[in-house]
PDB file of N, CA and C in Angstrom:
ATOM      1  N   MET A   1     252.934 170.950 176.447  1.00  0.00           N
ATOM      2  CA  MET A   1     252.320 171.302 177.639  1.00  0.00           C
ATOM      3  C   MET A   1     251.935 170.119 178.637  1.00  0.00           C
ATOM      4  N   LEU A   2     251.475 168.890 177.748  1.00  0.00           N
ATOM      5  CA  LEU A   2     250.900 167.832 178.473  1.00  0.00           C
ATOM      6  C   LEU A   2     252.346 167.042 179.153  1.00  0.00           C
ATOM      7  N   GLY A   3     253.396 167.093 178.284  1.00  0.00           N
ATOM      8  CA  GLY A   3     254.590 166.406 178.456  1.00  0.00           C
ATOM      9  C   GLY A   3     255.119 167.147 179.597  1.00  0.00           C
ATOM     10  N   ASN A   4     255.153 168.367 179.750  1.00  0.00           N
ATOM     11  CA  ASN A   4     255.639 169.060 180.939  1.00  0.00           C
ATOM     12  C   ASN A   4     255.020 168.610 182.177  1.00  0.00           C
ATOM     13  N   LEU A   5     253.850 168.441 182.097  1.00  0.00           N
ATOM     14  CA  LEU A   5     252.919 168.295 183.358  1.00  0.00           C
ATOM     15  C   LEU A   5     253.351 166.692 183.846  1.00  0.00           C
ATOM     16  N   ILE A   6     253.376 165.657 182.977  1.00  0.00           N
ATOM     17  CA  ILE A   6     253.619 164.344 183.233  1.00  0.00           C
ATOM     18  C   ILE A   6     255.046 164.288 183.491  1.00  0.00           C
ATOM     19  N   GLY A   7     255.921 165.054 182.900  1.00  0.00           N
ATOM     20  CA  GLY A   7     257.289 165.042 183.310  1.00  0.00           C
ATOM     21  C   GLY A   7     257.377 165.510 184.801  1.00  0.00           C
ATOM     22  N   GLY A   8     256.916 166.438 185.130  1.00  0.00           N
ATOM     23  CA  GLY A   8     256.973 166.980 186.527  1.00  0.00           C
ATOM     24  C   GLY A   8     256.553 166.051 187.578  1.00  0.00           C
ATOM     25  N   PHE A   9     255.316 165.137 187.288  1.00  0.00           N
ATOM     26  CA  PHE A   9     254.791 164.342 188.201  1.00  0.00           C
ATOM     27  C   PHE A   9     255.662 163.125 188.262  1.00  0.00           C
ATOM     28  N   VAL A  10     256.227 162.721 187.058  1.00  0.00           N
ATOM     29  CA  VAL A  10     257.250 161.485 186.954  1.00  0.00           C
ATOM     30  C   VAL A  10     258.595 161.856 187.851  1.00  0.00           C
ATOM     31  N   VAL A  11     259.239 163.116 187.730  1.00  0.00           N
ATOM     32  CA  VAL A  11     260.115 163.561 188.427  1.00  0.00           C
ATOM     33  C   VAL A  11     259.873 163.409 190.153  1.00  0.00           C
ATOM     34  N   ILE A  12     258.831 163.924 190.532  1.00  0.00           N
ATOM     35  CA  ILE A  12     258.370 163.780 191.706  1.00  0.00           C
ATOM     36  C   ILE A  12     258.126 162.228 192.063  1.00  0.00           C
ATOM     37  N   LEU A  13     257.599 161.599 191.348  1.00  0.00           N
ATOM     38  CA  LEU A  13     257.213 160.163 191.644  1.00  0.00           C
ATOM     39  C   LEU A  13     258.648 159.431 191.961  1.00  0.00           C
ATOM     40  N   ILE A  14     259.523 159.513 190.907  1.00  0.00           N
ATOM     41  CA  ILE A  14     260.813 158.936 190.996  1.00  0.00           C
ATOM     42  C   ILE A  14     261.644 159.368 192.342  1.00  0.00           C
ATOM     43  N   GLY A  15     261.516 160.819 192.702  1.00  0.00           N
ATOM     44  CA  GLY A  15     262.374 161.291 193.703  1.00  0.00           C
ATOM     45  C   GLY A  15     261.861 160.622 195.138  1.00  0.00           C
ATOM     46  N   VAL A  16     260.431 160.580 195.071  1.00  0.00           N
ATOM     47  CA  VAL A  16     259.827 160.088 196.362  1.00  0.00           C
ATOM     48  C   VAL A  16     260.278 158.649 196.641  1.00  0.00           C
ATOM     49  N   ASN A  17     260.335 158.071 195.645  1.00  0.00           N
ATOM     50  CA  ASN A  17     260.555 156.656 195.591  1.00  0.00           C
ATOM     51  C   ASN A  17     262.171 156.487 196.036  1.00  0.00           C
ATOM     52  N   LEU A  18     262.974 157.171 195.594  1.00  0.00           N
ATOM     53  CA  LEU A  18     264.400 157.196 196.038  1.00  0.00           C
ATOM     54  C   LEU A  18     264.752 157.723 197.340  1.00  0.00           C
ATOM     55  N   LEU A  19     263.849 158.481 197.766  1.00  0.00           N
ATOM     56  CA  LEU A  19     264.069 159.441 199.054  1.00  0.00           C
ATOM     57  C   LEU A  19     264.620 158.246 200.274  1.00  0.00           C
ATOM     58  N   PRO A  20     263.767 156.972 200.471  1.00  0.00           N
ATOM     59  CA  PRO A  20     263.952 156.114 201.473  1.00  0.00           C
ATOM     60  C   PRO A  20     265.597 155.638 201.277  1.00  0.00           C
ATOM     61  N   THR A  21     266.096 155.422 199.990  1.00  0.00           N
ATOM     62  CA  THR A  21     267.327 154.831 199.712  1.00  0.00           C
ATOM     63  C   THR A  21     268.482 155.730 200.099  1.00  0.00           C
ATOM     64  N   VAL A  22     268.259 157.175 199.608  1.00  0.00           N
ATOM     65  CA  VAL A  22     269.138 158.180 199.973  1.00  0.00           C
ATOM     66  C   VAL A  22     269.063 158.382 201.596  1.00  0.00           C
ATOM     67  N   ALA A  23     268.013 158.151 202.440  1.00  0.00           N
ATOM     68  CA  ALA A  23     268.091 158.311 203.766  1.00  0.00           C
ATOM     69  C   ALA A  23     268.731 157.090 204.508  1.00  0.00           C
ATOM     70  N   ASN A  24     268.530 155.844 203.805  1.00  0.00           N
ATOM     71  CA  ASN A  24     269.413 154.660 204.521  1.00  0.00           C
ATOM     72  C   ASN A  24     270.849 154.909 204.244  1.00  0.00           C
ATOM     73  N   GLU A  25     271.116 155.388 203.132  1.00  0.00           N
ATOM     74  CA  GLU A  25     272.672 155.489 202.812  1.00  0.00           C
ATOM     75  C   GLU A  25     273.317 156.689 203.824  1.00  0.00           C
ATOM     76  N   VAL A  26     272.441 157.761 204.122  1.00  0.00           N
ATOM     77  CA  VAL A  26     272.947 158.736 204.901  1.00  0.00           C
ATOM     78  C   VAL A  26     273.147 158.125 206.342  1.00  0.00           C
ATOM     79  N   ALA A  27     272.037 157.329 206.849  1.00  0.00           N
ATOM     80  CA  ALA A  27     272.230 156.621 208.129  1.00  0.00           C
ATOM     81  C   ALA A  27     273.466 155.800 208.090  1.00  0.00           C
ATOM     82  N   GLY A  28     273.650 155.071 207.006  1.00  0.00           N
ATOM     83  CA  GLY A  28     274.898 154.239 207.170  1.00  0.00           C
ATOM     84  C   GLY A  28     276.244 155.118 207.185  1.00  0.00           C
ATOM     85  N   ALA A  29     276.203 156.017 206.438  1.00  0.00           N
ATOM     86  CA  ALA A  29     277.242 157.148 206.602  1.00  0.00           C
ATOM     87  C   ALA A  29     277.402 157.751 207.885  1.00  0.00           C
ATOM     88  N   GLN A  30     276.471 158.018 208.646  1.00  0.00           N
ATOM     89  CA  GLN A  30     276.673 158.746 210.063  1.00  0.00           C
ATOM     90  C   GLN A  30     276.792 157.671 210.912  1.00  0.00           C
ATOM     91  N   GLY A  31     276.531 156.416 210.680  1.00  0.00           N
ATOM     92  CA  GLY A  31     277.011 155.383 211.665  1.00  0.00           C
ATOM     93  C   GLY A  31     278.707 154.971 211.531  1.00  0.00           C
ATOM     94  N   ASN A  32     279.395 155.592 210.527  1.00  0.00           N
ATOM     95  CA  ASN A  32     280.711 155.347 210.614  1.00  0.00           C
ATOM     96  C   ASN A  32     281.489 156.019 211.767  1.00  0.00           C
ATOM     97  N   GLU A  33     282.453 155.519 211.926  1.00  0.00           N
ATOM     98  CA  GLU A  33     283.336 156.242 213.286  1.00  0.00           C
ATOM     99  C   GLU A  33     283.915 157.462 212.883  1.00  0.00           C
ATOM    100  N   ASN A  34     284.298 157.615 211.591  1.00  0.00           N
ATOM    101  CA  ASN A  34     285.211 158.670 211.362  1.00  0.00           C
ATOM    102  C   ASN A  34     284.264 160.089 211.128  1.00  0.00           C
ATOM    103  N   VAL A  35     282.855 159.962 210.919  1.00  0.00           N
ATOM    104  CA  VAL A  35     282.196 160.945 210.658  1.00  0.00           C
ATOM    105  C   VAL A  35     281.785 161.766 212.121  1.00  0.00           C
ATOM    106  N   THR A  36     282.211 162.654 212.312  1.00  0.00           N
ATOM    107  CA  THR A  36     281.778 163.380 213.659  1.00  0.00           C
ATOM    108  C   THR A  36     281.537 164.873 213.508  1.00  0.00           C
ATOM    109  N   GLY A  37     280.938 165.543 214.200  1.00  0.00           N
ATOM    110  CA  GLY A  37     280.798 166.945 214.543  1.00  0.00           C
ATOM    111  C   GLY A  37     280.156 167.581 213.291  1.00  0.00           C
ATOM    112  N   ALA A  38     280.727 168.594 212.628  1.00  0.00           N
ATOM    113  CA  ALA A  38     280.156 169.295 211.558  1.00  0.00           C
ATOM    114  C   ALA A  38     279.809 168.421 210.258  1.00  0.00           C
ATOM    115  N   THR A  39     280.740 167.440 210.142  1.00  0.00           N
ATOM    116  CA  THR A  39     280.609 166.332 208.897  1.00  0.00           C
ATOM    117  C   THR A  39     279.145 165.759 209.236  1.00  0.00           C
ATOM    118  N   ASP A  40     279.028 165.453 210.378  1.00  0.00           N
ATOM    119  CA  ASP A  40     277.732 164.626 210.667  1.00  0.00           C
ATOM    120  C   ASP A  40     276.466 165.367 210.517  1.00  0.00           C
ATOM    121  N   THR A  41     276.696 166.627 210.801  1.00  0.00           N
ATOM    122  CA  THR A  41     275.338 167.454 210.783  1.00  0.00           C
ATOM    123  C   THR A  41     275.135 167.821 209.076  1.00  0.00           C
ATOM    124  N   ILE A  42     276.193 168.197 208.571  1.00  0.00           N
ATOM    125  CA  ILE A  42     275.987 168.302 206.876  1.00  0.00           C
ATOM    126  C   ILE A  42     275.652 166.962 206.330  1.00  0.00           C
ATOM    127  N   ILE A  43     276.163 165.801 206.595  1.00  0.00           N
ATOM    128  CA  ILE A  43     275.468 164.704 205.964  1.00  0.00           C
ATOM    129  C   ILE A  43     274.260 164.440 206.330  1.00  0.00           C
ATOM    130  N   GLY A  44     273.599 164.814 207.673  1.00  0.00           N
ATOM    131  CA  GLY A  44     272.280 164.604 208.078  1.00  0.00           C
ATOM    132  C   GLY A  44     271.374 165.464 207.223  1.00  0.00           C
ATOM    133  N   LEU A  45     271.777 166.641 206.705  1.00  0.00           N
ATOM    134  CA  LEU A  45     270.799 167.507 205.809  1.00  0.00           C
ATOM    135  C   LEU A  45     270.879 167.046 204.397  1.00  0.00           C
ATOM    136  N   THR A  46     271.671 165.982 203.793  1.00  0.00           N
ATOM    137  CA  THR A  46     271.354 165.452 202.586  1.00  0.00           C
ATOM    138  C   THR A  46     270.165 165.235 202.106  1.00  0.00           C
ATOM    139  N   PRO A  47     269.195 164.115 202.990  1.00  0.00           N
ATOM    140  CA  PRO A  47     268.047 163.927 202.246  1.00  0.00           C
ATOM    141  C   PRO A  47     267.013 165.206 202.263  1.00  0.00           C
ATOM    142  N   LEU A  48     267.124 166.193 203.189  1.00  0.00           N
ATOM    143  CA  LEU A  48     266.665 167.464 203.132  1.00  0.00           C
ATOM    144  C   LEU A  48     266.944 168.062 201.928  1.00  0.00           C
ATOM    145  N   PHE A  49     267.942 168.424 201.305  1.00  0.00           N
ATOM    146  CA  PHE A  49     268.379 169.095 200.260  1.00  0.00           C
ATOM    147  C   PHE A  49     268.047 168.136 199.035  1.00  0.00           C
ATOM    148  N   PHE A  50     268.013 166.712 199.040  1.00  0.00           N
ATOM    149  CA  PHE A  50     267.585 165.890 198.016  1.00  0.00           C
ATOM    150  C   PHE A  50     266.193 166.252 197.589  1.00  0.00           C
ATOM    151  N   ALA A  51     265.309 166.163 198.755  1.00  0.00           N
ATOM    152  CA  ALA A  51     263.773 166.249 198.709  1.00  0.00           C
ATOM    153  C   ALA A  51     263.683 167.732 198.084  1.00  0.00           C
ATOM    154  N   LEU A  52     264.229 168.646 198.534  1.00  0.00           N
ATOM    155  CA  LEU A  52     263.896 170.031 198.139  1.00  0.00           C
ATOM    156  C   LEU A  52     264.539 170.182 196.525  1.00  0.00           C
ATOM    157  N   GLY A  53     265.453 169.482 196.007  1.00  0.00           N
ATOM    158  CA  GLY A  53     265.702 169.538 194.826  1.00  0.00           C
ATOM    159  C   GLY A  53     264.656 168.815 193.778  1.00  0.00           C
ATOM    160  N   ILE A  54     264.192 167.875 194.333  1.00  0.00           N
ATOM    161  CA  ILE A  54     263.279 166.935 193.582  1.00  0.00           C
ATOM    162  C   ILE A  54     262.052 167.781 193.436  1.00  0.00           C
ATOM    163  N   LEU A  55     261.720 168.365 194.762  1.00  0.00           N
ATOM    164  CA  LEU A  55     260.186 169.056 194.717  1.00  0.00           C
ATOM    165  C   LEU A  55     260.588 170.383 193.583  1.00  0.00           C
ATOM    166  N   SER A  56     261.451 171.087 193.712  1.00  0.00           N
ATOM    167  CA  SER A  56     261.860 172.386 192.975  1.00  0.00           C
ATOM    168  C   SER A  56     261.797 171.990 191.529  1.00  0.00           C
ATOM    169  N   ALA A  57     262.519 170.740 191.016  1.00  0.00           N
ATOM    170  CA  ALA A  57     262.492 170.493 189.809  1.00  0.00           C
ATOM    171  C   ALA A  57     261.061 170.064 189.106  1.00  0.00           C
ATOM    172  N   GLY A  58     260.322 169.381 190.064  1.00  0.00           N
ATOM    173  CA  GLY A  58     259.070 168.906 189.659  1.00  0.00           C
ATOM    174  C   GLY A  58     258.023 170.187 189.630  1.00  0.00           C
ATOM    175  N   ILE A  59     258.175 171.023 190.424  1.00  0.00           N
ATOM    176  CA  ILE A  59     257.659 172.179 190.464  1.00  0.00           C
ATOM    177  C   ILE A  59     257.644 173.163 189.188  1.00  0.00           C
ATOM    178  N   ALA A  60     259.051 173.159 188.622  1.00  0.00           N
ATOM    179  CA  ALA A  60     259.347 174.078 187.664  1.00  0.00           C
ATOM    180  C   ALA A  60     258.947 173.535 186.266  1.00  0.00           C
ATOM    181  N   LEU A  61     258.986 172.048 186.336  1.00  0.00           N
ATOM    182  CA  LEU A  61     258.452 171.560 184.948  1.00  0.00           C
ATOM    183  C   LEU A  61     256.958 171.891 184.821  1.00  0.00           C
ATOM    184  N   THR A  62     256.145 171.573 185.915  1.00  0.00           N
ATOM    185  CA  THR A  62     254.855 171.646 186.012  1.00  0.00           C
ATOM    186  C   THR A  62     254.310 173.229 185.851  1.00  0.00           C
ATOM    187  N   ALA A  63     254.975 174.010 186.127  1.00  0.00           N
ATOM    188  CA  ALA A  63     254.672 175.580 186.013  1.00  0.00           C
ATOM    189  C   ALA A  63     254.982 175.789 184.732  1.00  0.00           C
ATOM    190  N   GLN A  64     256.088 175.378 183.979  1.00  0.00           N
ATOM    191  CA  GLN A  64     256.473 175.541 182.631  1.00  0.00           C
ATOM    192  C   GLN A  64     255.205 175.032 181.709  1.00  0.00           C
ATOM    193  N   GLY A  65     254.804 173.948 182.084  1.00  0.00           N
ATOM    194  CA  GLY A  65     253.725 173.328 181.407  1.00  0.00           C
ATOM    195  C   GLY A  65     252.464 174.012 181.375  1.00  0.00           C
ATOM    196  N   LEU A  66     252.137 174.511 182.730  1.00  0.00           N
ATOM    197  CA  LEU A  66     251.052 175.520 182.880  1.00  0.00           C
ATOM    198  C   LEU A  66     251.108 176.759 182.277  1.00  0.00           C
ATOM    199  N   ARG A  67     252.241 177.280 182.361  1.00  0.00           N
ATOM    200  CA  ARG A  67     252.491 178.675 181.528  1.00  0.00           C
ATOM    201  C   ARG A  67     252.307 178.385 180.067  1.00  0.00           C
ATOM    202  N   ALA A  68     252.770 177.352 179.460  1.00  0.00           N
ATOM    203  CA  ALA A  68     252.626 177.238 177.991  1.00  0.00           C
ATOM    204  C   ALA A  68     251.221 177.053 177.562  1.00  0.00           C
ATOM    205  N   ALA A  69     250.340 176.498 178.414  1.00  0.00           N
ATOM    206  CA  ALA A  69     248.885 176.147 178.220  1.00  0.00           C
ATOM    207  C   ALA A  69     248.132 177.682 178.561  1.00  0.00           C
ATOM    208  N   GLY A  70     248.647 178.487 179.117  1.00  0.00           N
ATOM    209  CA  GLY A  70     248.001 179.943 179.402  1.00  0.00           C
ATOM    210  C   GLY A  70     247.301 179.845 180.757  1.00  0.00           C
ATOM    211  N   MET A  71     247.556 178.811 181.505  1.00  0.00           N
ATOM    212  CA  MET A  71     246.871 178.783 182.894  1.00  0.00           C
ATOM    213  C   MET A  71     247.350 179.345 183.930  1.00  0.00           C
ATOM    214  N   LEU A  72     248.803 179.804 183.896  1.00  0.00           N
ATOM    215  CA  LEU A  72     249.634 180.539 184.753  1.00  0.00           C
ATOM    216  C   LEU A  72     250.115 181.730 184.247  1.00  0.00           C
ATOM    217  N   GLY A  73     249.572 182.804 184.949  1.00  0.00           N
ATOM    218  CA  GLY A  73     249.848 184.055 184.335  1.00  0.00           C
ATOM    219  C   GLY A  73     251.042 184.685 184.280  1.00  0.00           C
ATOM    220  N   VAL A  74     251.942 184.447 185.010  1.00  0.00           N
ATOM    221  CA  VAL A  74     253.325 185.140 185.072  1.00  0.00           C
ATOM    222  C   VAL A  74     254.148 184.597 184.131  1.00  0.00           C
TER     223      VAL A  74
END
């Protein structure tokens, strides 16, 4: 139980610390001359999907820990 809670917070902490790096790399990729149109839009959404993935992984680990402790009913 406690391991899942700590794991969820660690995943969120590491993901939040990596988010600026991902955003910088995306900005560098968008600065390329060969990236235009739809490709530019899709690359621009990469930090959003990265943040959503980190958030959902952290929430899932935390919910699993709370469910094992009997604090989350479903």
